[in-house]
Amino acid sequence: MAKKEEIARLAEKLMGNRENIRNIGIVAHIDHGKTTLSDNLVAASGMMSQELAGKQLVMDFEDQEQERGITINAANISLLYNSGGKEYLVNLIDTPGHVDFGGEVIRAMRAVDGVVLVIDAVEGVMPQTETVIRQALREYVKPVLFVNKVDRLIKELQVNEQQMQERFLKVITQVNGLIKKSVPKEFADEWTVKVQDGSVTFGSAYNNWAVSVPRMKETGISFKDVYEYLKSGRQKELAEKSHLSDALFQMVITHLPSPLKAQKYRIPVIWKGELESPIAKSMRACDQSGPFAMMVTDVSVDKHSGDIATGRVYSGTVKKGMKVRLVGLQKEAPIQKVGLFMGADFTDVAEVPAGNIVSLVGMKEVFAGETITDDPEMNSFESFMTEVEPVITISIEAKNTKDLPKLIETIRQVTKEDPNVKATINQETGEHLLSGMGELHLEIIQYRIEKHHHVPIQVSPPIVVYHETINSGSRSLESKSPNRHNKLLMKVQKLPNEVLENLIKSHFVGKVKPKDKEKAAMFQEMGFDNEISKKIWAVHNNCVLIDSTRGIDSLHEIRELVIQGFNDAMDAGPLSKEKCFGMAVFLEDASLHEDAIHRGPAQMLPTVTRGIFACMMDADPVLYEPKQMLTISVPEDYLGAVSKELGSRRTQITEMRQEGDSSVIIGKAPVKELIGFSQSIRSATQGRVIWTAEYAGYELLPRELQKQTILEIRKRKGMDGDVKPASFWLE
């Protein structure tokens, strides 16, 4: 602890030198060696012994991380490195590789300017590799490449020197192919990784060595020498001559940008305010004496300090005792403590200037994604850029009634710490529903509630989240208000796939002000017709509400109620009260009572929702189910058992290939069929399987399963078995 305190003090002195700061993330597919690599960098900073580097896994400090051997939380640490007589401050975030914790990676990308992409030399590019590259590039975060576990090529695959280099070339080509798919146009050439310039490093994090072309020139070691060292089992000697930390830090310092450089091009992407405003200029210049502005990327709850908000400072300097504004919550808060996370430990510092990662104590109710500032004109930062959503739900109840208040508080803390957990209350039963990214994600949340927060709970079997939509357009149908004095004429249409994809990518949700030219242009860019773009009133759950009426008096007076009714309908559709998506709802005509008292919420809300439900029932309504992309690596002897297991779970296999003595199977499977898959696949292969599942969006539930699934969901929600036809909603 004393060593961490000492380094925090030194880090504090270096924070003002923006050119010598690097904010980096370590990203990879699960088990490719991120945390082992982080260990080496921590050891090089003097915070642990070199002998333990790669074995201690200092960044996996939660008990479940150590027990399961995976990273669950993104962990921050500040490291020091001296290169060419210059002191550098490297703020590092070690991120999870398991897809269930992908939200941690997405949030970490907002805080960093560059990533070290770690790839296992034997397994090569895997699905989660592709996902993390895409996430980084979407946030304008520059990648460099570390090819890890090179020793496996010789030990397991018995390759010769030429085959080893061919393997490297294959991995680099695949990575550059992925970078080219998602890289911002202006960086298409600059951000591809190249062996010659040192933006690619090869090594073994577990055995503490690494080489790159610039490093080879310094040490005189060639690829031929590397091969000989590995062949003769002299990795310790190789580590002494070319230590991993030297090669890695050299690559990070040379190729990843300082905040001074990165904020110039990142701010216009992650913040959509007026770019000529003083705060925008200050953020782009990473001005440490400008107004204070930061974005919260992570929230942890400490039993002594309360909420700790960690995030990136883009402008100004934050000090203890400052009064700041939480933009999203629209309230002021005092900063009680300013500090840095050094792995598991929070260390106090006096102040943190722009270009650094900071942790603040004193923000009650703060959430990941919040903007904190002392500038009255400051707008919020853009939300985190992801299309991934929770697909699996469990219902939890306190075993003892007296624990109910504590459970409510615990759920509040859990959802604050992990925004990818969504909590709702089932109004009919009073149960708490928790939705997450997968079975493992919810298992970890359940463990934290019981072991960390000491609340015994009862948990239901997992429930899958479906979506409702339509397959065609409806007729124009008229719905009447309960008092029969108001009528609305509406219709629904399916959004074209391309428009829907663009809408999902935009992350836009909410109301649109009348005559908002900026939003109209945005909708036009997504592929909406020019006229329709000007008439969109609201977007909710990737559905749009469009006003196509003409010259109706008093329509503006019911606008808010129509939007509210539309939102309610999109949150719980007519088939089984599941969320709707991918529809355009048109308000075509309205006949309204002249007296406002007769067209209040009690009259208008049911008119809108029932009208939309009738139109949906007239447009071939269907359920869509969530799917996940599976990647399974298994010894050849067990290939038949795995194929049989996948076949019984409606899996569509897209690729099969050999990697050494293992077979790799890639396929797409419904989330519902994957409940209990983990246990089954392990017993079918006697535990000799490695597998991951990645969110793959929603697809149409097969027609033969529609009726039965709708019935099951309705029954579970306490609804009667019959889906009501359009005529029922218009009565």
Foldseek 3Di string as FASTA:
>chain_A
DVLQQVVQVVLQVCQVVLQQEFEEEEAEAWPLQQLLLVQLQCVVQPPDPNVCRSPPSLLQPDPVCVVVVWRQAWFWAWGWDADPNDIHIYIYTYATNFQLRCLRLLLSLLFGQEYEYGAELQVADDPSSLVSLLSNQLLNHAYFYEHAPLLCCCVFVVDALVVSVVSVVVNLVVNLVSCCVRHDPVCNPVRRYDQCVLSYKYYYSNLFFIDGNVLCVVLVADSNNVRVCSNVVNSNVRCVSGGSNVSVVVSSSPRGGGQQVRQLPSCVSFAVDDCVDQVNVQLNRLEQQGWWKWAFSFWAQDPVQGIKTKTAIRGYKDFAQDWKAFQVVGDIWGFHFKFGGRNPDTHTDGMRTHRHMIITTTDPPDAHQIMITRDPPGDGTHGRQDLQAFWKKKWKDFPDPVCVVLLVVLVSNLCRRPVRWDWDALVVPRTIMITGNADVSVVVSQCCCCPVSPTDMDMDAMDTAKAKEFDAKFDFDWAAFPVRAKIWTKIKGFAPPQLLVLLSRVPDFFFDDQPPVVQLVSSVVSPDDSVQSNFWGTAEQAETEGEQEPDDPCPVVCSVLLVVLVNCCQCAPLLQGGHYHRMYMYGYDMRHDPDVVCVDNNGRNLRNNLSVNLNRLRRHMFMWFWKKKKKKKAAPVLPVLVVVLCVVQPWDWDDWDDRRRIIITITMGTSVSCRVVVVSVCVSRVNRMDMHIHTDGIGTDPPVCTLVVSQVSNVVSVHDRDRDHSVVSRD
